[in-house]
């Protein structure tokens, strides 16, 4: 699992293709990555590139 300089680990899902950092191309363009907070809540970061 990739860990960023800030210590964030991106969550990987088997059904999606990820780059080496754990970022997935988004349908229609852009990118998305998921991560969890210490309580186990999942968040998504999206970019429209």
Protein backbone atom coordinates (compact mmCIF):
# COMPACT_ATOMS: atom_id res chain seq x y z
CA UNK A 1 0.00 0.00 0.00
CA UNK A 2 1.31 3.46 -0.92
CA UNK A 3 1.83 5.89 1.99
CA UNK A 4 2.02 9.60 1.14
CA UNK A 5 4.49 12.01 2.73
CA UNK A 6 1.64 13.03 5.07
CA UNK A 7 1.15 9.40 6.14
CA UNK A 8 -2.14 8.82 4.28
CA UNK A 9 -2.66 5.30 2.93
CA UNK A 10 -5.02 5.06 -0.02
CA UNK A 11 -7.53 2.20 0.03
CA UNK A 12 -7.52 -0.14 -2.96
CA UNK A 13 -10.57 -1.99 -4.24
CA UNK A 14 -10.13 -5.15 -6.32
CA UNK A 15 -12.77 -4.15 -8.89
CA UNK A 16 -10.83 -1.00 -9.89
CA UNK A 17 -7.49 -0.49 -11.62
CA UNK A 18 -5.07 1.65 -9.56
CA UNK A 19 -1.76 3.30 -10.33
CA UNK A 20 1.26 2.74 -8.06
CA UNK A 21 -0.03 5.36 -5.62
CA UNK A 22 -3.53 3.86 -5.35
CA UNK A 23 -5.26 6.43 -7.59
CA UNK A 24 -7.97 5.24 -9.99
CA UNK A 25 -9.01 6.79 -13.33
CA UNK A 26 -12.60 8.00 -13.02
CA UNK A 27 -15.24 7.23 -15.65
CA UNK A 28 -15.65 10.28 -17.89
CA UNK A 29 -12.22 11.64 -16.94
CA UNK A 30 -10.50 12.66 -13.78
CA UNK A 31 -9.12 10.61 -10.92
CA UNK A 32 -10.32 9.30 -7.56
CA UNK A 33 -8.65 7.89 -4.45
CA UNK A 34 -10.11 6.62 -1.20
CA UNK A 35 -8.71 6.65 2.32
CA UNK A 36 -9.94 5.95 5.84
CA UNK A 37 -9.70 8.06 8.97
CA UNK A 38 -8.64 6.55 12.32
CA UNK A 39 -12.30 5.72 13.09
CA UNK A 40 -12.66 3.67 9.88
CA UNK A 41 -14.76 6.22 7.96
CA UNK A 42 -14.03 6.16 4.21
CA UNK A 43 -13.45 9.38 2.29
CA UNK A 44 -12.88 9.99 -1.42
CA UNK A 45 -10.71 12.59 -3.11
CA UNK A 46 -11.74 13.40 -6.68
CA UNK A 47 -10.11 15.48 -9.38
CA UNK A 48 -11.64 16.51 -12.69
CA UNK A 49 -8.18 16.95 -14.29
